[in-house]
């Protein structure tokens, strides 16, 4: 067991003298305080210590020995002598002198500084973790703000944002963009007859079915009430009709507890050049009106004429 390491902070302190010697009084280490005193190159480092003289102390065969503790007289520059409070201790390889004007205070302050630094590192780590958690919380809040809480699919706010992105991609790639509006038939009757819990069950089942049967490139959202919207890019007119028919049949085959089977009516429209989201929605909504008026549980595709103002039947 040898002498313990000293704090690194002592290396640069001139108010503390630290020196380590071997058995032959050869200096192996000196801090800034010792180097300041060694301005006279004609004397050995061990000669700086006038009382007690270091040559009085032998190194122990094993372990650590405190050779001296108290006032140590040091020869300073210009024949000036100073009395410092310190300690001389040794192990089998070296003799160490540590002396200062108030050594205990300095060592305590150094330990305190190291503790403060350790606490600072811990605080920085905690702040990093807190910042990571805050970033995750913000992402969660944003996701929730774009999600319909009942069905778990995108809400109207998310649809508005995604519509502009889909339009821009369609313009860049000259890709057709279709809007499909799906509305649950006789939904008011469901709520009035079996209650709002049954209505919520129907909405959740429809959302899950539309999401499961839609393509990865499509965007499915609940527009509001019993109305759902799908943005479907890259389809021909025949392909989008087939697609909407498959969605309609998939819903028609669902048998819900208590309610039984429900159906959806579909209105489909293709975006024209320079169409806004409102323009496209108006044409799809007009097609949905025709599907409702023509018996419900069917798909209607809008033509190129501007729609008349209508109110979609339930």
C-alpha atoms as a PDB file:
ATOM      1  CA  UNK A   1       0.000   0.000   0.000  1.00  0.00           C
ATOM      2  CA  UNK A   2       1.521   3.318  -1.072  1.00  0.00           C
ATOM      3  CA  UNK A   3       0.799   6.978  -0.526  1.00  0.00           C
ATOM      4  CA  UNK A   4      -2.595   8.040  -1.835  1.00  0.00           C
ATOM      5  CA  UNK A   5      -2.908  10.300  -4.875  1.00  0.00           C
ATOM      6  CA  UNK A   6      -3.315  14.015  -4.242  1.00  0.00           C
ATOM      7  CA  UNK A   7      -6.007  16.149  -5.908  1.00  0.00           C
ATOM      8  CA  UNK A   8      -4.981  17.377  -9.351  1.00  0.00           C
ATOM      9  CA  UNK A   9      -5.909  20.915  -8.299  1.00  0.00           C
ATOM     10  CA  UNK A  10      -2.796  21.084  -6.068  1.00  0.00           C
ATOM     11  CA  UNK A  11      -0.474  20.931  -9.091  1.00  0.00           C
ATOM     12  CA  UNK A  12      -1.132  24.535 -10.113  1.00  0.00           C
ATOM     13  CA  UNK A  13      -1.321  26.078  -6.614  1.00  0.00           C
ATOM     14  CA  UNK A  14       1.609  28.284  -5.621  1.00  0.00           C
ATOM     15  CA  UNK A  15       0.311  28.734  -2.070  1.00  0.00           C
ATOM     16  CA  UNK A  16       0.934  25.048  -1.340  1.00  0.00           C
ATOM     17  CA  UNK A  17       4.289  23.282  -1.609  1.00  0.00           C
ATOM     18  CA  UNK A  18       4.188  19.635  -2.733  1.00  0.00           C
ATOM     19  CA  UNK A  19       7.388  17.624  -3.243  1.00  0.00           C
ATOM     20  CA  UNK A  20       8.143  13.937  -3.583  1.00  0.00           C
ATOM     21  CA  UNK A  21      11.653  12.423  -3.219  1.00  0.00           C
ATOM     22  CA  UNK A  22      13.154   8.963  -3.492  1.00  0.00           C
ATOM     23  CA  UNK A  23      15.486   7.394  -0.908  1.00  0.00           C
ATOM     24  CA  UNK A  24      18.441   9.336  -2.375  1.00  0.00           C
ATOM     25  CA  UNK A  25      16.643  12.673  -1.976  1.00  0.00           C
ATOM     26  CA  UNK A  26      16.211  12.963  -5.738  1.00  0.00           C
ATOM     27  CA  UNK A  27      13.166  15.053  -6.607  1.00  0.00           C
ATOM     28  CA  UNK A  28      10.572  13.096  -8.593  1.00  0.00           C
ATOM     29  CA  UNK A  29       7.670  15.551  -8.453  1.00  0.00           C
ATOM     30  CA  UNK A  30       7.135  19.160  -7.501  1.00  0.00           C
ATOM     31  CA  UNK A  31       4.070  21.334  -7.937  1.00  0.00           C
ATOM     32  CA  UNK A  32       3.920  25.017  -8.885  1.00  0.00           C
ATOM     33  CA  UNK A  33       4.510  26.044  -5.263  1.00  0.00           C
ATOM     34  CA  UNK A  34       7.807  24.119  -5.149  1.00  0.00           C
ATOM     35  CA  UNK A  35       8.898  25.328  -8.595  1.00  0.00           C
ATOM     36  CA  UNK A  36       8.409  28.922  -7.456  1.00  0.00           C
ATOM     37  CA  UNK A  37      10.811  28.346  -4.550  1.00  0.00           C
ATOM     38  CA  UNK A  38      13.445  26.677  -6.764  1.00  0.00           C
ATOM     39  CA  UNK A  39      14.537  29.940  -8.353  1.00  0.00           C
ATOM     40  CA  UNK A  40      18.067  29.252  -7.077  1.00  0.00           C
ATOM     41  CA  UNK A  41      19.321  26.455  -9.310  1.00  0.00           C
ATOM     42  CA  UNK A  42      22.415  25.930  -7.154  1.00  0.00           C
ATOM     43  CA  UNK A  43      20.563  24.120  -4.372  1.00  0.00           C
ATOM     44  CA  UNK A  44      18.787  20.779  -4.341  1.00  0.00           C
ATOM     45  CA  UNK A  45      15.080  20.662  -3.794  1.00  0.00           C
ATOM     46  CA  UNK A  46      15.465  18.812  -0.505  1.00  0.00           C
ATOM     47  CA  UNK A  47      17.580  21.711   0.831  1.00  0.00           C
ATOM     48  CA  UNK A  48      14.569  24.022   0.645  1.00  0.00           C
ATOM     49  CA  UNK A  49      13.227  22.365   3.760  1.00  0.00           C
ATOM     50  CA  UNK A  50      15.261  23.769   6.655  1.00  0.00           C
ATOM     51  CA  UNK A  51      13.384  22.351   9.599  1.00  0.00           C
ATOM     52  CA  UNK A  52      12.861  19.510   9.919  1.00  0.00           C
ATOM     53  CA  UNK A  53      15.617  18.416   7.507  1.00  0.00           C
ATOM     54  CA  UNK A  54      14.408  15.705   5.183  1.00  0.00           C
ATOM     55  CA  UNK A  55      17.569  13.620   5.437  1.00  0.00           C
ATOM     56  CA  UNK A  56      16.493  12.755   8.984  1.00  0.00           C
ATOM     57  CA  UNK A  57      13.728  10.504   7.723  1.00  0.00           C
ATOM     58  CA  UNK A  58      14.134   6.967   6.416  1.00  0.00           C
ATOM     59  CA  UNK A  59      11.626   5.269   4.157  1.00  0.00           C
ATOM     60  CA  UNK A  60       9.628   2.475   5.822  1.00  0.00           C
ATOM     61  CA  UNK A  61       9.983  -1.139   4.747  1.00  0.00           C
ATOM     62  CA  UNK A  62       6.248  -1.368   4.139  1.00  0.00           C
ATOM     63  CA  UNK A  63       3.058   0.585   4.608  1.00  0.00           C
ATOM     64  CA  UNK A  64       2.748   4.340   5.102  1.00  0.00           C
ATOM     65  CA  UNK A  65       4.487   6.284   7.850  1.00  0.00           C
ATOM     66  CA  UNK A  66       3.687   9.830   8.996  1.00  0.00           C
ATOM     67  CA  UNK A  67       7.174  11.145   9.660  1.00  0.00           C
ATOM     68  CA  UNK A  68       6.257  14.631  10.792  1.00  0.00           C
ATOM     69  CA  UNK A  69       3.213  16.846  11.181  1.00  0.00           C
ATOM     70  CA  UNK A  70       3.369  20.491  12.205  1.00  0.00           C
ATOM     71  CA  UNK A  71       5.283  23.635  11.238  1.00  0.00           C
ATOM     72  CA  UNK A  72       7.788  23.191   8.420  1.00  0.00           C
ATOM     73  CA  UNK A  73      10.390  25.895   7.798  1.00  0.00           C
ATOM     74  CA  UNK A  74      11.052  26.538   4.121  1.00  0.00           C
ATOM     75  CA  UNK A  75      13.872  28.523   2.532  1.00  0.00           C
ATOM     76  CA  UNK A  76      12.335  30.988   0.093  1.00  0.00           C
ATOM     77  CA  UNK A  77      13.829  33.270  -2.568  1.00  0.00           C
ATOM     78  CA  UNK A  78      16.232  35.930  -1.365  1.00  0.00           C
ATOM     79  CA  UNK A  79      17.114  34.115   1.893  1.00  0.00           C
ATOM     80  CA  UNK A  80      13.554  34.572   3.091  1.00  0.00           C
ATOM     81  CA  UNK A  81      12.275  31.824   5.338  1.00  0.00           C
ATOM     82  CA  UNK A  82       8.634  30.862   5.863  1.00  0.00           C
ATOM     83  CA  UNK A  83       6.911  28.593   8.331  1.00  0.00           C
ATOM     84  CA  UNK A  84       4.208  26.521   6.740  1.00  0.00           C
ATOM     85  CA  UNK A  85       1.895  24.006   8.334  1.00  0.00           C
ATOM     86  CA  UNK A  86       2.235  20.630   6.743  1.00  0.00           C
ATOM     87  CA  UNK A  87       2.948  16.935   6.837  1.00  0.00           C
ATOM     88  CA  UNK A  88       5.834  14.685   5.863  1.00  0.00           C
ATOM     89  CA  UNK A  89       4.937  11.088   5.141  1.00  0.00           C
ATOM     90  CA  UNK A  90       6.585   8.186   3.388  1.00  0.00           C
ATOM     91  CA  UNK A  91       6.049   4.767   1.851  1.00  0.00           C
ATOM     92  CA  UNK A  92       8.791   2.303   0.776  1.00  0.00           C
ATOM     93  CA  UNK A  93       9.469   4.193  -2.491  1.00  0.00           C
ATOM     94  CA  UNK A  94       9.079   7.890  -1.736  1.00  0.00           C
ATOM     95  CA  UNK A  95       8.985  10.703   0.779  1.00  0.00           C
ATOM     96  CA  UNK A  96       6.274  13.295   0.330  1.00  0.00           C
ATOM     97  CA  UNK A  97       6.077  16.819   1.729  1.00  0.00           C
ATOM     98  CA  UNK A  98       2.853  18.801   1.598  1.00  0.00           C
ATOM     99  CA  UNK A  99       2.901  22.200   3.254  1.00  0.00           C
ATOM    100  CA  UNK A 100       0.848  25.379   3.013  1.00  0.00           C
ATOM    101  CA  UNK A 101      -0.244  28.444   4.920  1.00  0.00           C
ATOM    102  CA  UNK A 102      -3.481  26.696   5.809  1.00  0.00           C
ATOM    103  CA  UNK A 103      -3.140  23.188   4.447  1.00  0.00           C
ATOM    104  CA  UNK A 104      -6.249  21.750   6.061  1.00  0.00           C
ATOM    105  CA  UNK A 105      -8.379  24.565   4.666  1.00  0.00           C
ATOM    106  CA  UNK A 106      -6.869  24.178   1.197  1.00  0.00           C
ATOM    107  CA  UNK A 107      -7.356  20.424   1.116  1.00  0.00           C
ATOM    108  CA  UNK A 108     -10.901  20.799   2.396  1.00  0.00           C
ATOM    109  CA  UNK A 109     -11.626  23.455  -0.228  1.00  0.00           C
ATOM    110  CA  UNK A 110     -10.130  21.218  -2.912  1.00  0.00           C
ATOM    111  CA  UNK A 111     -12.298  18.300  -1.827  1.00  0.00           C
ATOM    112  CA  UNK A 112     -15.308  20.612  -1.803  1.00  0.00           C
ATOM    113  CA  UNK A 113     -14.477  21.789  -5.320  1.00  0.00           C
ATOM    114  CA  UNK A 114     -14.244  18.195  -6.503  1.00  0.00           C
ATOM    115  CA  UNK A 115     -17.589  17.428  -4.900  1.00  0.00           C
ATOM    116  CA  UNK A 116     -19.122  20.481  -6.603  1.00  0.00           C
ATOM    117  CA  UNK A 117     -17.710  19.337  -9.942  1.00  0.00           C
ATOM    118  CA  UNK A 118     -19.132  15.856  -9.410  1.00  0.00           C
ATOM    119  CA  UNK A 119     -22.505  17.364  -8.503  1.00  0.00           C
ATOM    120  CA  UNK A 120     -22.324  19.521 -11.630  1.00  0.00           C
ATOM    121  CA  UNK A 121     -21.692  16.457 -13.814  1.00  0.00           C
ATOM    122  CA  UNK A 122     -24.633  14.700 -12.158  1.00  0.00           C
ATOM    123  CA  UNK A 123     -26.839  17.761 -12.721  1.00  0.00           C
ATOM    124  CA  UNK A 124     -25.814  17.940 -16.380  1.00  0.00           C
ATOM    125  CA  UNK A 125     -26.727  14.286 -16.831  1.00  0.00           C
ATOM    126  CA  UNK A 126     -30.072  14.830 -15.147  1.00  0.00           C
ATOM    127  CA  UNK A 127     -30.720  17.852 -17.374  1.00  0.00           C
ATOM    128  CA  UNK A 128     -29.864  15.775 -20.448  1.00  0.00           C
ATOM    129  CA  UNK A 129     -32.298  13.068 -19.336  1.00  0.00           C
ATOM    130  CA  UNK A 130     -34.962  15.674 -18.584  1.00  0.00           C
ATOM    131  CA  UNK A 131     -34.433  17.266 -22.008  1.00  0.00           C
ATOM    132  CA  UNK A 132     -34.757  13.845 -23.655  1.00  0.00           C
ATOM    133  CA  UNK A 133     -37.969  13.188 -21.751  1.00  0.00           C
ATOM    134  CA  UNK A 134     -39.259  16.657 -22.686  1.00  0.00           C
ATOM    135  CA  UNK A 135     -38.517  15.980 -26.358  1.00  0.00           C
ATOM    136  CA  UNK A 136     -40.386  12.672 -26.141  1.00  0.00           C
ATOM    137  CA  UNK A 137     -43.278  14.367 -24.333  1.00  0.00           C
ATOM    138  CA  UNK A 138     -43.474  17.070 -27.009  1.00  0.00           C
ATOM    139  CA  UNK A 139     -43.516  14.379 -29.701  1.00  0.00           C
ATOM    140  CA  UNK A 140     -46.267  12.554 -27.829  1.00  0.00           C
ATOM    141  CA  UNK A 141     -48.312  15.745 -27.442  1.00  0.00           C
ATOM    142  CA  UNK A 142     -47.933  16.499 -31.140  1.00  0.00           C
ATOM    143  CA  UNK A 143     -48.953  12.959 -32.070  1.00  0.00           C
ATOM    144  CA  UNK A 144     -52.007  13.158 -29.825  1.00  0.00           C
ATOM    145  CA  UNK A 145     -52.960  16.541 -31.287  1.00  0.00           C
ATOM    146  CA  UNK A 146     -53.077  14.917 -34.744  1.00  0.00           C
ATOM    147  CA  UNK A 147     -54.958  11.781 -33.653  1.00  0.00           C
ATOM    148  CA  UNK A 148     -58.673  11.179 -33.208  1.00  0.00           C
ATOM    149  CA  UNK A 149     -58.966  10.033 -29.568  1.00  0.00           C
ATOM    150  CA  UNK A 150     -61.855   7.629 -30.171  1.00  0.00           C
ATOM    151  CA  UNK A 151     -60.687   5.743 -33.257  1.00  0.00           C
ATOM    152  CA  UNK A 152     -56.915   6.224 -33.069  1.00  0.00           C
ATOM    153  CA  UNK A 153     -56.615   7.323 -36.706  1.00  0.00           C
ATOM    154  CA  UNK A 154     -55.655  10.782 -37.967  1.00  0.00           C
ATOM    155  CA  UNK A 155     -57.988  13.688 -37.209  1.00  0.00           C
ATOM    156  CA  UNK A 156     -59.069  16.632 -39.366  1.00  0.00           C
ATOM    157  CA  UNK A 157     -56.095  18.742 -38.312  1.00  0.00           C
ATOM    158  CA  UNK A 158     -53.718  16.049 -39.522  1.00  0.00           C
ATOM    159  CA  UNK A 159     -55.745  15.701 -42.727  1.00  0.00           C
ATOM    160  CA  UNK A 160     -55.450  19.414 -43.499  1.00  0.00           C
ATOM    161  CA  UNK A 161     -51.670  19.233 -43.144  1.00  0.00           C
ATOM    162  CA  UNK A 162     -51.295  16.010 -45.121  1.00  0.00           C
ATOM    163  CA  UNK A 163     -53.572  17.225 -47.922  1.00  0.00           C
ATOM    164  CA  UNK A 164     -51.167  20.033 -48.826  1.00  0.00           C
ATOM    165  CA  UNK A 165     -48.233  17.607 -48.788  1.00  0.00           C
ATOM    166  CA  UNK A 166     -50.108  15.120 -51.002  1.00  0.00           C
ATOM    167  CA  UNK A 167     -51.096  17.873 -53.448  1.00  0.00           C
ATOM    168  CA  UNK A 168     -47.476  19.061 -53.682  1.00  0.00           C
ATOM    169  CA  UNK A 169     -46.219  15.527 -54.345  1.00  0.00           C
ATOM    170  CA  UNK A 170     -48.912  14.985 -56.959  1.00  0.00           C
ATOM    171  CA  UNK A 171     -47.945  18.200 -58.747  1.00  0.00           C
ATOM    172  CA  UNK A 172     -44.258  17.282 -58.676  1.00  0.00           C
ATOM    173  CA  UNK A 173     -44.791  13.755 -60.004  1.00  0.00           C
ATOM    174  CA  UNK A 174     -47.876  14.467 -62.148  1.00  0.00           C
ATOM    175  CA  UNK A 175     -49.674  11.825 -60.074  1.00  0.00           C
ATOM    176  CA  UNK A 176     -53.490  11.769 -59.801  1.00  0.00           C
ATOM    177  CA  UNK A 177     -54.838  12.373 -56.302  1.00  0.00           C
ATOM    178  CA  UNK A 178     -58.252  11.025 -55.296  1.00  0.00           C
ATOM    179  CA  UNK A 179     -60.333  11.967 -52.292  1.00  0.00           C
ATOM    180  CA  UNK A 180     -62.718   9.321 -50.952  1.00  0.00           C
ATOM    181  CA  UNK A 181     -65.369  10.333 -48.433  1.00  0.00           C
ATOM    182  CA  UNK A 182     -67.092   7.513 -46.547  1.00  0.00           C
ATOM    183  CA  UNK A 183     -70.160   8.166 -44.399  1.00  0.00           C
ATOM    184  CA  UNK A 184     -71.901   5.641 -42.130  1.00  0.00           C
ATOM    185  CA  UNK A 185     -75.475   5.118 -43.285  1.00  0.00           C
ATOM    186  CA  UNK A 186     -78.292   5.848 -40.802  1.00  0.00           C
ATOM    187  CA  UNK A 187     -75.812   6.661 -38.045  1.00  0.00           C
ATOM    188  CA  UNK A 188     -78.338   8.828 -36.208  1.00  0.00           C
ATOM    189  CA  UNK A 189     -80.612   5.789 -36.021  1.00  0.00           C
ATOM    190  CA  UNK A 190     -77.766   3.785 -34.454  1.00  0.00           C
ATOM    191  CA  UNK A 191     -77.271   6.392 -31.729  1.00  0.00           C
ATOM    192  CA  UNK A 192     -80.993   6.876 -31.125  1.00  0.00           C
ATOM    193  CA  UNK A 193     -81.753   3.163 -30.981  1.00  0.00           C
ATOM    194  CA  UNK A 194     -78.762   1.622 -29.184  1.00  0.00           C
ATOM    195  CA  UNK A 195     -77.114   4.634 -27.574  1.00  0.00           C
ATOM    196  CA  UNK A 196     -73.873   6.516 -28.080  1.00  0.00           C
ATOM    197  CA  UNK A 197     -71.720   3.633 -26.844  1.00  0.00           C
ATOM    198  CA  UNK A 198     -73.011   1.579 -29.760  1.00  0.00           C
ATOM    199  CA  UNK A 199     -72.314   4.526 -32.055  1.00  0.00           C
ATOM    200  CA  UNK A 200     -68.737   4.716 -30.746  1.00  0.00           C
ATOM    201  CA  UNK A 201     -68.372   0.979 -31.380  1.00  0.00           C
ATOM    202  CA  UNK A 202     -69.470   1.485 -34.980  1.00  0.00           C
ATOM    203  CA  UNK A 203     -67.041   4.383 -35.502  1.00  0.00           C
ATOM    204  CA  UNK A 204     -64.135   2.408 -34.055  1.00  0.00           C
ATOM    205  CA  UNK A 205     -64.916  -0.646 -36.180  1.00  0.00           C
ATOM    206  CA  UNK A 206     -65.175   1.404 -39.382  1.00  0.00           C
ATOM    207  CA  UNK A 207     -61.901   3.239 -38.670  1.00  0.00           C
ATOM    208  CA  UNK A 208     -60.081  -0.038 -38.018  1.00  0.00           C
ATOM    209  CA  UNK A 209     -61.461  -1.628 -41.194  1.00  0.00           C
ATOM    210  CA  UNK A 210     -60.581   1.347 -43.404  1.00  0.00           C
ATOM    211  CA  UNK A 211     -57.067   1.517 -41.983  1.00  0.00           C
ATOM    212  CA  UNK A 212     -56.546  -2.239 -42.414  1.00  0.00           C
ATOM    213  CA  UNK A 213     -57.837  -2.350 -45.994  1.00  0.00           C
ATOM    214  CA  UNK A 214     -56.191   0.847 -47.235  1.00  0.00           C
ATOM    215  CA  UNK A 215     -52.837   0.955 -48.984  1.00  0.00           C
ATOM    216  CA  UNK A 216     -49.620   2.085 -47.302  1.00  0.00           C
ATOM    217  CA  UNK A 217     -49.535   5.134 -49.588  1.00  0.00           C
ATOM    218  CA  UNK A 218     -53.045   6.252 -48.530  1.00  0.00           C
ATOM    219  CA  UNK A 219     -53.950   8.599 -45.700  1.00  0.00           C
ATOM    220  CA  UNK A 220     -56.997   7.667 -43.616  1.00  0.00           C
ATOM    221  CA  UNK A 221     -58.610  10.189 -41.269  1.00  0.00           C
ATOM    222  CA  UNK A 222     -61.804  10.805 -39.370  1.00  0.00           C
ATOM    223  CA  UNK A 223     -63.193  14.044 -40.762  1.00  0.00           C
ATOM    224  CA  UNK A 224     -65.814  14.455 -38.067  1.00  0.00           C
ATOM    225  CA  UNK A 225     -68.976  12.784 -36.803  1.00  0.00           C
ATOM    226  CA  UNK A 226     -69.607   9.624 -38.826  1.00  0.00           C
ATOM    227  CA  UNK A 227     -67.563  10.802 -41.826  1.00  0.00           C
ATOM    228  CA  UNK A 228     -64.173   9.411 -42.853  1.00  0.00           C
ATOM    229  CA  UNK A 229     -61.770  10.550 -45.547  1.00  0.00           C
ATOM    230  CA  UNK A 230     -59.096   8.721 -47.557  1.00  0.00           C
ATOM    231  CA  UNK A 231     -56.482  10.461 -49.703  1.00  0.00           C
ATOM    232  CA  UNK A 232     -55.466   7.958 -52.365  1.00  0.00           C
ATOM    233  CA  UNK A 233     -52.791   9.019 -54.884  1.00  0.00           C
ATOM    234  CA  UNK A 234     -51.718   7.220 -58.039  1.00  0.00           C
ATOM    235  CA  UNK A 235     -54.927   5.444 -59.117  1.00  0.00           C
ATOM    236  CA  UNK A 236     -56.825   5.453 -62.407  1.00  0.00           C
ATOM    237  CA  UNK A 237     -60.597   6.079 -62.433  1.00  0.00           C
ATOM    238  CA  UNK A 238     -61.359   2.364 -62.784  1.00  0.00           C
ATOM    239  CA  UNK A 239     -58.829   1.449 -60.101  1.00  0.00           C
ATOM    240  CA  UNK A 240     -60.220   3.929 -57.588  1.00  0.00           C
ATOM    241  CA  UNK A 241     -63.770   2.638 -58.173  1.00  0.00           C
ATOM    242  CA  UNK A 242     -62.585  -0.937 -57.574  1.00  0.00           C
ATOM    243  CA  UNK A 243     -60.711   0.209 -54.502  1.00  0.00           C
ATOM    244  CA  UNK A 244     -63.720   2.044 -53.034  1.00  0.00           C
ATOM    245  CA  UNK A 245     -65.972  -0.934 -53.770  1.00  0.00           C
ATOM    246  CA  UNK A 246     -63.580  -3.220 -51.902  1.00  0.00           C
ATOM    247  CA  UNK A 247     -63.671  -0.872 -48.911  1.00  0.00           C
ATOM    248  CA  UNK A 248     -67.486  -0.749 -49.058  1.00  0.00           C
ATOM    249  CA  UNK A 249     -67.802  -4.526 -49.151  1.00  0.00           C
ATOM    250  CA  UNK A 250     -65.308  -4.910 -46.319  1.00  0.00           C
ATOM    251  CA  UNK A 251     -67.443  -2.720 -44.054  1.00  0.00           C
ATOM    252  CA  UNK A 252     -70.658  -4.429 -45.192  1.00  0.00           C
ATOM    253  CA  UNK A 253     -69.288  -7.788 -44.034  1.00  0.00           C
ATOM    254  CA  UNK A 254     -68.637  -6.603 -40.457  1.00  0.00           C
ATOM    255  CA  UNK A 255     -71.189  -7.909 -37.940  1.00  0.00           C
ATOM    256  CA  UNK A 256     -71.154  -5.828 -34.774  1.00  0.00           C
ATOM    257  CA  UNK A 257     -72.579  -7.018 -31.452  1.00  0.00           C
ATOM    258  CA  UNK A 258     -75.997  -5.496 -30.740  1.00  0.00           C
ATOM    259  CA  UNK A 259     -76.044  -3.349 -33.890  1.00  0.00           C
ATOM    260  CA  UNK A 260     -75.469  -6.085 -36.446  1.00  0.00           C
ATOM    261  CA  UNK A 261     -74.334  -4.993 -39.912  1.00  0.00           C
ATOM    262  CA  UNK A 262     -73.653  -1.402 -40.937  1.00  0.00           C
ATOM    263  CA  UNK A 263     -73.010   0.099 -44.345  1.00  0.00           C
ATOM    264  CA  UNK A 264     -71.151   3.067 -45.779  1.00  0.00           C
ATOM    265  CA  UNK A 265     -71.837   5.356 -48.700  1.00  0.00           C
ATOM    266  CA  UNK A 266     -68.818   6.598 -50.696  1.00  0.00           C
ATOM    267  CA  UNK A 267     -68.228   9.780 -52.661  1.00  0.00           C
ATOM    268  CA  UNK A 268     -65.048   9.926 -54.779  1.00  0.00           C
ATOM    269  CA  UNK A 269     -63.431  12.825 -56.660  1.00  0.00           C
ATOM    270  CA  UNK A 270     -60.134  13.417 -58.465  1.00  0.00           C
ATOM    271  CA  UNK A 271     -58.183  16.592 -57.866  1.00  0.00           C
ATOM    272  CA  UNK A 272     -58.000  18.982 -60.790  1.00  0.00           C
ATOM    273  CA  UNK A 273     -55.051  21.241 -61.494  1.00  0.00           C
ATOM    274  CA  UNK A 274     -55.018  24.214 -59.086  1.00  0.00           C
ATOM    275  CA  UNK A 275     -57.755  22.637 -56.956  1.00  0.00           C
ATOM    276  CA  UNK A 276     -57.746  23.595 -53.314  1.00  0.00           C
ATOM    277  CA  UNK A 277     -58.630  21.088 -50.641  1.00  0.00           C
ATOM    278  CA  UNK A 278     -62.029  22.768 -50.331  1.00  0.00           C
ATOM    279  CA  UNK A 279     -62.663  22.375 -54.101  1.00  0.00           C
ATOM    280  CA  UNK A 280     -61.791  18.694 -54.053  1.00  0.00           C
ATOM    281  CA  UNK A 281     -63.846  18.030 -50.939  1.00  0.00           C
ATOM    282  CA  UNK A 282     -66.878  19.799 -52.440  1.00  0.00           C
ATOM    283  CA  UNK A 283     -66.898  17.496 -55.480  1.00  0.00           C
ATOM    284  CA  UNK A 284     -66.406  14.356 -53.392  1.00  0.00           C
ATOM    285  CA  UNK A 285     -69.154  15.509 -51.035  1.00  0.00           C
ATOM    286  CA  UNK A 286     -71.511  16.002 -53.977  1.00  0.00           C
ATOM    287  CA  UNK A 287     -70.758  12.453 -55.109  1.00  0.00           C
ATOM    288  CA  UNK A 288     -71.473  11.232 -51.584  1.00  0.00           C
ATOM    289  CA  UNK A 289     -74.833  13.026 -51.717  1.00  0.00           C
ATOM    290  CA  UNK A 290     -75.700  11.109 -54.894  1.00  0.00           C
ATOM    291  CA  UNK A 291     -74.703   7.819 -53.236  1.00  0.00           C
ATOM    292  CA  UNK A 292     -77.040   8.584 -50.327  1.00  0.00           C
ATOM    293  CA  UNK A 293     -79.843   9.724 -52.633  1.00  0.00           C
ATOM    294  CA  UNK A 294     -79.497   6.636 -54.837  1.00  0.00           C
ATOM    295  CA  UNK A 295     -80.067   4.180 -51.993  1.00  0.00           C
ATOM    296  CA  UNK A 296     -76.919   4.310 -49.836  1.00  0.00           C
ATOM    297  CA  UNK A 297     -74.302   1.554 -49.467  1.00  0.00           C
ATOM    298  CA  UNK A 298     -72.830   2.430 -52.837  1.00  0.00           C
ATOM    299  CA  UNK A 299     -69.924   4.254 -54.511  1.00  0.00           C
ATOM    300  CA  UNK A 300     -70.381   7.358 -56.669  1.00  0.00           C
ATOM    301  CA  UNK A 301     -67.553   9.139 -58.534  1.00  0.00           C
ATOM    302  CA  UNK A 302     -67.798  12.858 -59.223  1.00  0.00           C
ATOM    303  CA  UNK A 303     -67.810  14.194 -62.756  1.00  0.00           C
ATOM    304  CA  UNK A 304     -66.006  17.348 -63.852  1.00  0.00           C
ATOM    305  CA  UNK A 305     -68.896  19.725 -63.237  1.00  0.00           C
ATOM    306  CA  UNK A 306     -68.962  21.978 -60.209  1.00  0.00           C
ATOM    307  CA  UNK A 307     -71.388  20.613 -57.587  1.00  0.00           C
ATOM    308  CA  UNK A 308     -74.561  22.319 -56.522  1.00  0.00           C
ATOM    309  CA  UNK A 309     -74.969  23.181 -52.848  1.00  0.00           C
ATOM    310  CA  UNK A 310     -76.333  20.116 -51.099  1.00  0.00           C
ATOM    311  CA  UNK A 311     -76.854  18.692 -47.670  1.00  0.00           C
ATOM    312  CA  UNK A 312     -75.826  15.051 -47.328  1.00  0.00           C
ATOM    313  CA  UNK A 313     -78.697  12.822 -46.127  1.00  0.00           C
ATOM    314  CA  UNK A 314     -77.984  10.785 -42.966  1.00  0.00           C
END
